[in-house]
Amino acid sequence: MSDFDIRYVSRLARVSLTPVEEEKLGNQLGLILGYIAQLKEVDVNGVEPLAHAIPLVNVTRPDVPTGSLDHEEALRNAPARSNGLFVVPKIVE
């Protein structure tokens, strides 16, 4: 691809390349971009887009509401409490 600039891309990636590396990577990335251009020519009309090659099913339990802790049980192991609330260190001034 003639409009591909390996020096520009290497500056964006903050990677310094020697002239030999620029030549080698430029050719390789040019071939990759050429292959992508070739894939764009494939007729995909009527093909449903997929996120995965095989169907996936999440294995999860059903969400069933259950009872919660009562107030005293929740505060039982609190290192510090005041007026029925947890006391925590101040983190914002």
PDB file of N, CA and C in Angstrom:
ATOM      1  N   MET A   1       0.858  -1.168   0.000  1.00  0.00           N
ATOM      2  CA  MET A   1       0.000   0.000   0.000  1.00  0.00           C
ATOM      3  C   MET A   1       0.905   1.232   0.000  1.00  0.00           C
ATOM      4  N   SER A   2       0.721   2.053  -0.986  1.00  0.00           N
ATOM      5  CA  SER A   2       1.619   3.191  -1.151  1.00  0.00           C
ATOM      6  C   SER A   2       1.327   4.320  -0.166  1.00  0.00           C
ATOM      7  N   ASP A   3       0.103   4.399   0.385  1.00  0.00           N
ATOM      8  CA  ASP A   3      -0.223   5.501   1.288  1.00  0.00           C
ATOM      9  C   ASP A   3       0.056   5.171   2.758  1.00  0.00           C
ATOM     10  N   PHE A   4       0.677   4.030   3.008  1.00  0.00           N
ATOM     11  CA  PHE A   4       0.975   3.626   4.375  1.00  0.00           C
ATOM     12  C   PHE A   4       2.336   4.181   4.772  1.00  0.00           C
ATOM     13  N   ASP A   5       2.395   4.898   5.898  1.00  0.00           N
ATOM     14  CA  ASP A   5       3.628   5.546   6.346  1.00  0.00           C
ATOM     15  C   ASP A   5       4.083   4.922   7.659  1.00  0.00           C
ATOM     16  N   ILE A   6       5.075   4.048   7.596  1.00  0.00           N
ATOM     17  CA  ILE A   6       5.552   3.334   8.786  1.00  0.00           C
ATOM     18  C   ILE A   6       6.197   4.286   9.776  1.00  0.00           C
ATOM     19  N   ARG A   7       6.839   5.344   9.303  1.00  0.00           N
ATOM     20  CA  ARG A   7       7.468   6.305  10.224  1.00  0.00           C
ATOM     21  C   ARG A   7       6.406   7.011  11.067  1.00  0.00           C
ATOM     22  N   TYR A   8       5.307   7.390  10.416  1.00  0.00           N
ATOM     23  CA  TYR A   8       4.219   8.058  11.130  1.00  0.00           C
ATOM     24  C   TYR A   8       3.627   7.132  12.195  1.00  0.00           C
ATOM     25  N   VAL A   9       3.399   5.878  11.842  1.00  0.00           N
ATOM     26  CA  VAL A   9       2.821   4.913  12.777  1.00  0.00           C
ATOM     27  C   VAL A   9       3.785   4.639  13.923  1.00  0.00           C
ATOM     28  N   SER A  10       5.070   4.536  13.640  1.00  0.00           N
ATOM     29  CA  SER A  10       6.042   4.280  14.705  1.00  0.00           C
ATOM     30  C   SER A  10       6.128   5.474  15.659  1.00  0.00           C
ATOM     31  N   ARG A  11       5.975   6.705  15.137  1.00  0.00           N
ATOM     32  CA  ARG A  11       5.945   7.876  16.027  1.00  0.00           C
ATOM     33  C   ARG A  11       4.704   7.847  16.918  1.00  0.00           C
ATOM     34  N   LEU A  12       3.560   7.477  16.355  1.00  0.00           N
ATOM     35  CA  LEU A  12       2.334   7.386  17.150  1.00  0.00           C
ATOM     36  C   LEU A  12       2.474   6.347  18.257  1.00  0.00           C
ATOM     37  N   ALA A  13       3.144   5.238  17.952  1.00  0.00           N
ATOM     38  CA  ALA A  13       3.327   4.161  18.921  1.00  0.00           C
ATOM     39  C   ALA A  13       4.511   4.417  19.844  1.00  0.00           C
ATOM     40  N   ARG A  14       5.227   5.516  19.596  1.00  0.00           N
ATOM     41  CA  ARG A  14       6.426   5.861  20.372  1.00  0.00           C
ATOM     42  C   ARG A  14       7.440   4.723  20.359  1.00  0.00           C
ATOM     43  N   VAL A  15       7.671   4.210  19.146  1.00  0.00           N
ATOM     44  CA  VAL A  15       8.628   3.130  18.939  1.00  0.00           C
ATOM     45  C   VAL A  15       9.679   3.645  17.954  1.00  0.00           C
ATOM     46  N   SER A  16      10.929   3.537  18.336  1.00  0.00           N
ATOM     47  CA  SER A  16      11.982   3.942  17.401  1.00  0.00           C
ATOM     48  C   SER A  16      12.431   2.724  16.605  1.00  0.00           C
ATOM     49  N   LEU A  17      12.504   2.903  15.285  1.00  0.00           N
ATOM     50  CA  LEU A  17      12.873   1.811  14.389  1.00  0.00           C
ATOM     51  C   LEU A  17      14.103   2.205  13.587  1.00  0.00           C
ATOM     52  N   THR A  18      14.934   1.219  13.334  1.00  0.00           N
ATOM     53  CA  THR A  18      16.067   1.436  12.439  1.00  0.00           C
ATOM     54  C   THR A  18      15.532   1.414  11.009  1.00  0.00           C
ATOM     55  N   PRO A  19      16.298   1.929  10.048  1.00  0.00           N
ATOM     56  CA  PRO A  19      15.841   1.884   8.656  1.00  0.00           C
ATOM     57  C   PRO A  19      15.543   0.459   8.170  1.00  0.00           C
ATOM     58  N   VAL A  20      16.316  -0.512   8.621  1.00  0.00           N
ATOM     59  CA  VAL A  20      16.073  -1.908   8.228  1.00  0.00           C
ATOM     60  C   VAL A  20      14.736  -2.386   8.800  1.00  0.00           C
ATOM     61  N   GLU A  21      14.468  -2.045  10.074  1.00  0.00           N
ATOM     62  CA  GLU A  21      13.198  -2.434  10.693  1.00  0.00           C
ATOM     63  C   GLU A  21      12.029  -1.724  10.028  1.00  0.00           C
ATOM     64  N   GLU A  22      12.216  -0.452   9.667  1.00  0.00           N
ATOM     65  CA  GLU A  22      11.152   0.279   8.971  1.00  0.00           C
ATOM     66  C   GLU A  22      10.795  -0.411   7.660  1.00  0.00           C
ATOM     67  N   GLU A  23      11.818  -0.811   6.919  1.00  0.00           N
ATOM     68  CA  GLU A  23      11.586  -1.486   5.640  1.00  0.00           C
ATOM     69  C   GLU A  23      10.855  -2.809   5.837  1.00  0.00           C
ATOM     70  N   LYS A  24      11.338  -3.614   6.786  1.00  0.00           N
ATOM     71  CA  LYS A  24      10.753  -4.930   7.026  1.00  0.00           C
ATOM     72  C   LYS A  24       9.315  -4.805   7.533  1.00  0.00           C
ATOM     73  N   LEU A  25       9.099  -3.984   8.577  1.00  0.00           N
ATOM     74  CA  LEU A  25       7.755  -3.844   9.140  1.00  0.00           C
ATOM     75  C   LEU A  25       6.812  -3.142   8.171  1.00  0.00           C
ATOM     76  N   GLY A  26       7.332  -2.190   7.419  1.00  0.00           N
ATOM     77  CA  GLY A  26       6.503  -1.514   6.421  1.00  0.00           C
ATOM     78  C   GLY A  26       5.969  -2.490   5.393  1.00  0.00           C
ATOM     79  N   ASN A  27       6.841  -3.384   4.911  1.00  0.00           N
ATOM     80  CA  ASN A  27       6.398  -4.397   3.948  1.00  0.00           C
ATOM     81  C   ASN A  27       5.382  -5.344   4.571  1.00  0.00           C
ATOM     82  N   GLN A  28       5.641  -5.787   5.809  1.00  0.00           N
ATOM     83  CA  GLN A  28       4.732  -6.732   6.469  1.00  0.00           C
ATOM     84  C   GLN A  28       3.366  -6.097   6.727  1.00  0.00           C
ATOM     85  N   LEU A  29       3.361  -4.875   7.231  1.00  0.00           N
ATOM     86  CA  LEU A  29       2.081  -4.204   7.496  1.00  0.00           C
ATOM     87  C   LEU A  29       1.361  -3.871   6.192  1.00  0.00           C
ATOM     88  N   GLY A  30       2.109  -3.569   5.157  1.00  0.00           N
ATOM     89  CA  GLY A  30       1.489  -3.348   3.851  1.00  0.00           C
ATOM     90  C   GLY A  30       0.783  -4.593   3.346  1.00  0.00           C
ATOM     91  N   LEU A  31       1.413  -5.762   3.536  1.00  0.00           N
ATOM     92  CA  LEU A  31       0.776  -7.023   3.143  1.00  0.00           C
ATOM     93  C   LEU A  31      -0.490  -7.284   3.954  1.00  0.00           C
ATOM     94  N   ILE A  32      -0.440  -6.974   5.243  1.00  0.00           N
ATOM     95  CA  ILE A  32      -1.623  -7.166   6.095  1.00  0.00           C
ATOM     96  C   ILE A  32      -2.759  -6.265   5.635  1.00  0.00           C
ATOM     97  N   LEU A  33      -2.454  -4.994   5.370  1.00  0.00           N
ATOM     98  CA  LEU A  33      -3.492  -4.075   4.906  1.00  0.00           C
ATOM     99  C   LEU A  33      -4.040  -4.496   3.543  1.00  0.00           C
ATOM    100  N   GLY A  34      -3.180  -5.052   2.690  1.00  0.00           N
ATOM    101  CA  GLY A  34      -3.645  -5.570   1.407  1.00  0.00           C
ATOM    102  C   GLY A  34      -4.597  -6.738   1.590  1.00  0.00           C
ATOM    103  N   TYR A  35      -4.300  -7.599   2.556  1.00  0.00           N
ATOM    104  CA  TYR A  35      -5.191  -8.730   2.832  1.00  0.00           C
ATOM    105  C   TYR A  35      -6.538  -8.244   3.364  1.00  0.00           C
ATOM    106  N   ILE A  36      -6.508  -7.223   4.214  1.00  0.00           N
ATOM    107  CA  ILE A  36      -7.763  -6.662   4.732  1.00  0.00           C
ATOM    108  C   ILE A  36      -8.580  -6.068   3.592  1.00  0.00           C
ATOM    109  N   ALA A  37      -7.926  -5.385   2.668  1.00  0.00           N
ATOM    110  CA  ALA A  37      -8.635  -4.838   1.509  1.00  0.00           C
ATOM    111  C   ALA A  37      -9.256  -5.963   0.687  1.00  0.00           C
ATOM    112  N   GLN A  38      -8.558  -7.096   0.576  1.00  0.00           N
ATOM    113  CA  GLN A  38      -9.088  -8.248  -0.149  1.00  0.00           C
ATOM    114  C   GLN A  38     -10.316  -8.812   0.568  1.00  0.00           C
ATOM    115  N   LEU A  39     -10.298  -8.841   1.893  1.00  0.00           N
ATOM    116  CA  LEU A  39     -11.453  -9.345   2.648  1.00  0.00           C
ATOM    117  C   LEU A  39     -12.670  -8.443   2.485  1.00  0.00           C
ATOM    118  N   LYS A  40     -12.459  -7.158   2.285  1.00  0.00           N
ATOM    119  CA  LYS A  40     -13.580  -6.228   2.101  1.00  0.00           C
ATOM    120  C   LYS A  40     -14.351  -6.519   0.817  1.00  0.00           C
ATOM    121  N   GLU A  41     -13.738  -7.213  -0.127  1.00  0.00           N
ATOM    122  CA  GLU A  41     -14.386  -7.523  -1.401  1.00  0.00           C
ATOM    123  C   GLU A  41     -15.323  -8.717  -1.313  1.00  0.00           C
ATOM    124  N   VAL A  42     -15.282  -9.478  -0.220  1.00  0.00           N
ATOM    125  CA  VAL A  42     -16.114 -10.671  -0.078  1.00  0.00           C
ATOM    126  C   VAL A  42     -17.570 -10.258   0.104  1.00  0.00           C
ATOM    127  N   ASP A  43     -18.471 -10.929  -0.614  1.00  0.00           N
ATOM    128  CA  ASP A  43     -19.903 -10.660  -0.505  1.00  0.00           C
ATOM    129  C   ASP A  43     -20.442 -11.312   0.771  1.00  0.00           C
ATOM    130  N   VAL A  44     -20.890 -10.496   1.710  1.00  0.00           N
ATOM    131  CA  VAL A  44     -21.416 -11.009   2.974  1.00  0.00           C
ATOM    132  C   VAL A  44     -22.904 -10.695   3.139  1.00  0.00           C
ATOM    133  N   ASN A  45     -23.572 -10.382   2.046  1.00  0.00           N
ATOM    134  CA  ASN A  45     -25.013 -10.128   2.124  1.00  0.00           C
ATOM    135  C   ASN A  45     -25.724 -11.390   2.585  1.00  0.00           C
ATOM    136  N   GLY A  46     -26.604 -11.251   3.543  1.00  0.00           N
ATOM    137  CA  GLY A  46     -27.358 -12.383   4.064  1.00  0.00           C
ATOM    138  C   GLY A  46     -26.626 -13.180   5.123  1.00  0.00           C
ATOM    139  N   VAL A  47     -25.408 -12.753   5.487  1.00  0.00           N
ATOM    140  CA  VAL A  47     -24.663 -13.445   6.538  1.00  0.00           C
ATOM    141  C   VAL A  47     -24.842 -12.668   7.832  1.00  0.00           C
ATOM    142  N   GLU A  48     -25.336 -13.365   8.839  1.00  0.00           N
ATOM    143  CA  GLU A  48     -25.587 -12.709  10.119  1.00  0.00           C
ATOM    144  C   GLU A  48     -24.269 -12.478  10.865  1.00  0.00           C
ATOM    145  N   PRO A  49     -24.045 -11.248  11.366  1.00  0.00           N
ATOM    146  CA  PRO A  49     -22.815 -10.989  12.122  1.00  0.00           C
ATOM    147  C   PRO A  49     -22.776 -11.833  13.395  1.00  0.00           C
ATOM    148  N   LEU A  50     -21.594 -12.298  13.756  1.00  0.00           N
ATOM    149  CA  LEU A  50     -21.418 -13.129  14.939  1.00  0.00           C
ATOM    150  C   LEU A  50     -20.403 -12.501  15.882  1.00  0.00           C
ATOM    151  N   ALA A  51     -20.615 -12.700  17.165  1.00  0.00           N
ATOM    152  CA  ALA A  51     -19.619 -12.294  18.152  1.00  0.00           C
ATOM    153  C   ALA A  51     -18.665 -13.451  18.422  1.00  0.00           C
ATOM    154  N   HIS A  52     -19.143 -14.675  18.246  1.00  0.00           N
ATOM    155  CA  HIS A  52     -18.341 -15.873  18.480  1.00  0.00           C
ATOM    156  C   HIS A  52     -18.614 -16.875  17.366  1.00  0.00           C
ATOM    157  N   ALA A  53     -17.647 -17.715  17.098  1.00  0.00           N
ATOM    158  CA  ALA A  53     -17.805 -18.711  16.042  1.00  0.00           C
ATOM    159  C   ALA A  53     -18.790 -19.806  16.429  1.00  0.00           C
ATOM    160  N   ILE A  54     -18.904 -20.075  17.732  1.00  0.00           N
ATOM    161  CA  ILE A  54     -19.856 -21.073  18.208  1.00  0.00           C
ATOM    162  C   ILE A  54     -20.812 -20.402  19.187  1.00  0.00           C
ATOM    163  N   PRO A  55     -22.049 -20.884  19.274  1.00  0.00           N
ATOM    164  CA  PRO A  55     -22.988 -20.263  20.208  1.00  0.00           C
ATOM    165  C   PRO A  55     -22.553 -20.485  21.658  1.00  0.00           C
ATOM    166  N   LEU A  56     -22.649 -19.439  22.457  1.00  0.00           N
ATOM    167  CA  LEU A  56     -22.292 -19.525  23.868  1.00  0.00           C
ATOM    168  C   LEU A  56     -23.526 -19.305  24.721  1.00  0.00           C
ATOM    169  N   VAL A  57     -23.581 -20.001  25.837  1.00  0.00           N
ATOM    170  CA  VAL A  57     -24.681 -19.849  26.781  1.00  0.00           C
ATOM    171  C   VAL A  57     -24.069 -19.603  28.152  1.00  0.00           C
ATOM    172  N   ASN A  58     -24.505 -18.551  28.810  1.00  0.00           N
ATOM    173  CA  ASN A  58     -24.016 -18.293  30.162  1.00  0.00           C
ATOM    174  C   ASN A  58     -24.658 -19.272  31.133  1.00  0.00           C
ATOM    175  N   VAL A  59     -23.842 -19.843  31.992  1.00  0.00           N
ATOM    176  CA  VAL A  59     -24.337 -20.759  32.999  1.00  0.00           C
ATOM    177  C   VAL A  59     -24.397 -19.980  34.308  1.00  0.00           C
ATOM    178  N   THR A  60     -25.555 -19.481  34.602  1.00  0.00           N
ATOM    179  CA  THR A  60     -25.740 -18.704  35.826  1.00  0.00           C
ATOM    180  C   THR A  60     -26.982 -19.200  36.543  1.00  0.00           C
ATOM    181  N   ARG A  61     -27.003 -18.954  37.817  1.00  0.00           N
ATOM    182  CA  ARG A  61     -28.176 -19.343  38.589  1.00  0.00           C
ATOM    183  C   ARG A  61     -29.247 -18.272  38.414  1.00  0.00           C
ATOM    184  N   PRO A  62     -30.494 -18.626  38.593  1.00  0.00           N
ATOM    185  CA  PRO A  62     -31.543 -17.603  38.519  1.00  0.00           C
ATOM    186  C   PRO A  62     -31.414 -16.629  39.683  1.00  0.00           C
ATOM    187  N   ASP A  63     -31.756 -15.400  39.442  1.00  0.00           N
ATOM    188  CA  ASP A  63     -31.682 -14.366  40.465  1.00  0.00           C
ATOM    189  C   ASP A  63     -32.945 -14.439  41.322  1.00  0.00           C
ATOM    190  N   VAL A  64     -32.786 -14.965  42.533  1.00  0.00           N
ATOM    191  CA  VAL A  64     -33.918 -15.145  43.435  1.00  0.00           C
ATOM    192  C   VAL A  64     -33.693 -14.272  44.671  1.00  0.00           C
ATOM    193  N   PRO A  65     -34.630 -13.402  44.993  1.00  0.00           N
ATOM    194  CA  PRO A  65     -34.454 -12.569  46.185  1.00  0.00           C
ATOM    195  C   PRO A  65     -34.465 -13.418  47.454  1.00  0.00           C
ATOM    196  N   THR A  66     -33.613 -13.073  48.395  1.00  0.00           N
ATOM    197  CA  THR A  66     -33.564 -13.754  49.685  1.00  0.00           C
ATOM    198  C   THR A  66     -33.606 -12.707  50.790  1.00  0.00           C
ATOM    199  N   GLY A  67     -33.730 -13.166  51.995  1.00  0.00           N
ATOM    200  CA  GLY A  67     -33.770 -12.249  53.128  1.00  0.00           C
ATOM    201  C   GLY A  67     -32.412 -11.593  53.362  1.00  0.00           C
ATOM    202  N   SER A  68     -32.425 -10.443  53.996  1.00  0.00           N
ATOM    203  CA  SER A  68     -31.173  -9.746  54.277  1.00  0.00           C
ATOM    204  C   SER A  68     -30.874  -9.830  55.774  1.00  0.00           C
ATOM    205  N   LEU A  69     -29.672  -9.372  56.136  1.00  0.00           N
ATOM    206  CA  LEU A  69     -29.291  -9.353  57.554  1.00  0.00           C
ATOM    207  C   LEU A  69     -30.097  -8.304  58.300  1.00  0.00           C
ATOM    208  N   ASP A  70     -30.401  -8.601  59.561  1.00  0.00           N
ATOM    209  CA  ASP A  70     -31.015  -7.543  60.352  1.00  0.00           C
ATOM    210  C   ASP A  70     -29.916  -6.561  60.766  1.00  0.00           C
ATOM    211  N   HIS A  71     -30.309  -5.405  61.251  1.00  0.00           N
ATOM    212  CA  HIS A  71     -29.401  -4.305  61.537  1.00  0.00           C
ATOM    213  C   HIS A  71     -28.304  -4.686  62.536  1.00  0.00           C
ATOM    214  N   GLU A  72     -28.665  -5.291  63.614  1.00  0.00           N
ATOM    215  CA  GLU A  72     -27.671  -5.667  64.633  1.00  0.00           C
ATOM    216  C   GLU A  72     -26.704  -6.729  64.129  1.00  0.00           C
ATOM    217  N   GLU A  73     -27.189  -7.682  63.357  1.00  0.00           N
ATOM    218  CA  GLU A  73     -26.310  -8.718  62.829  1.00  0.00           C
ATOM    219  C   GLU A  73     -25.298  -8.118  61.843  1.00  0.00           C
ATOM    220  N   ALA A  74     -25.720  -7.135  61.051  1.00  0.00           N
ATOM    221  CA  ALA A  74     -24.814  -6.486  60.105  1.00  0.00           C
ATOM    222  C   ALA A  74     -23.716  -5.727  60.835  1.00  0.00           C
ATOM    223  N   LEU A  75     -24.039  -5.109  61.958  1.00  0.00           N
ATOM    224  CA  LEU A  75     -23.067  -4.305  62.702  1.00  0.00           C
ATOM    225  C   LEU A  75     -22.270  -5.113  63.726  1.00  0.00           C
ATOM    226  N   ARG A  76     -22.588  -6.386  63.893  1.00  0.00           N
ATOM    227  CA  ARG A  76     -21.973  -7.183  64.942  1.00  0.00           C
ATOM    228  C   ARG A  76     -20.443  -7.197  64.875  1.00  0.00           C
ATOM    229  N   ASN A  77     -19.837  -7.345  63.714  1.00  0.00           N
ATOM    230  CA  ASN A  77     -18.382  -7.416  63.582  1.00  0.00           C
ATOM    231  C   ASN A  77     -17.745  -6.100  63.161  1.00  0.00           C
ATOM    232  N   ALA A  78     -18.489  -5.020  63.221  1.00  0.00           N
ATOM    233  CA  ALA A  78     -17.932  -3.722  62.836  1.00  0.00           C
ATOM    234  C   ALA A  78     -16.848  -3.315  63.830  1.00  0.00           C
ATOM    235  N   PRO A  79     -15.670  -2.891  63.360  1.00  0.00           N
ATOM    236  CA  PRO A  79     -14.615  -2.480  64.279  1.00  0.00           C
ATOM    237  C   PRO A  79     -14.999  -1.234  65.071  1.00  0.00           C
ATOM    238  N   ALA A  80     -15.806  -0.367  64.455  1.00  0.00           N
ATOM    239  CA  ALA A  80     -16.267   0.840  65.164  1.00  0.00           C
ATOM    240  C   ALA A  80     -17.652   1.195  64.650  1.00  0.00           C
ATOM    241  N   ARG A  81     -18.513   1.628  65.576  1.00  0.00           N
ATOM    242  CA  ARG A  81     -19.853   2.054  65.177  1.00  0.00           C
ATOM    243  C   ARG A  81     -20.333   3.153  66.104  1.00  0.00           C
ATOM    244  N   SER A  82     -21.254   3.935  65.570  1.00  0.00           N
ATOM    245  CA  SER A  82     -21.802   5.042  66.351  1.00  0.00           C
ATOM    246  C   SER A  82     -23.224   5.290  65.875  1.00  0.00           C
ATOM    247  N   ASN A  83     -24.139   5.391  66.811  1.00  0.00           N
ATOM    248  CA  ASN A  83     -25.550   5.645  66.509  1.00  0.00           C
ATOM    249  C   ASN A  83     -26.116   4.670  65.483  1.00  0.00           C
ATOM    250  N   GLY A  84     -25.692   3.393  65.576  1.00  0.00           N
ATOM    251  CA  GLY A  84     -26.225   2.370  64.694  1.00  0.00           C
ATOM    252  C   GLY A  84     -25.626   2.398  63.287  1.00  0.00           C
ATOM    253  N   LEU A  85     -24.492   3.074  63.078  1.00  0.00           N
ATOM    254  CA  LEU A  85     -23.862   3.155  61.760  1.00  0.00           C
ATOM    255  C   LEU A  85     -22.405   2.697  61.849  1.00  0.00           C
ATOM    256  N   PHE A  86     -21.842   2.277  60.728  1.00  0.00           N
ATOM    257  CA  PHE A  86     -20.427   1.966  60.666  1.00  0.00           C
ATOM    258  C   PHE A  86     -19.633   3.264  60.763  1.00  0.00           C
ATOM    259  N   VAL A  87     -18.537   3.250  61.500  1.00  0.00           N
ATOM    260  CA  VAL A  87     -17.616   4.380  61.552  1.00  0.00           C
ATOM    261  C   VAL A  87     -16.390   3.997  60.738  1.00  0.00           C
ATOM    262  N   VAL A  88     -16.078   4.828  59.731  1.00  0.00           N
ATOM    263  CA  VAL A  88     -14.934   4.558  58.861  1.00  0.00           C
ATOM    264  C   VAL A  88     -14.020   5.769  58.855  1.00  0.00           C
ATOM    265  N   PRO A  89     -12.740   5.589  58.495  1.00  0.00           N
ATOM    266  CA  PRO A  89     -11.833   6.728  58.453  1.00  0.00           C
ATOM    267  C   PRO A  89     -12.259   7.724  57.368  1.00  0.00           C
ATOM    268  N   LYS A  90     -12.047   8.997  57.644  1.00  0.00           N
ATOM    269  CA  LYS A  90     -12.359  10.045  56.683  1.00  0.00           C
ATOM    270  C   LYS A  90     -11.316  10.001  55.571  1.00  0.00           C
ATOM    271  N   ILE A  91     -11.779   9.975  54.325  1.00  0.00           N
ATOM    272  CA  ILE A  91     -10.836   9.901  53.200  1.00  0.00           C
ATOM    273  C   ILE A  91     -10.861  11.155  52.328  1.00  0.00           C
ATOM    274  N   VAL A  92     -11.856  12.003  52.493  1.00  0.00           N
ATOM    275  CA  VAL A  92     -11.969  13.220  51.695  1.00  0.00           C
ATOM    276  C   VAL A  92     -11.974  14.407  52.654  1.00  0.00           C
ATOM    277  N   GLU A  93     -11.152  15.374  52.364  1.00  0.00           N
ATOM    278  CA  GLU A  93     -11.099  16.577  53.203  1.00  0.00           C
ATOM    279  C   GLU A  93     -12.131  17.579  52.769  1.00  0.00           C
TER     280      GLU A  93
END
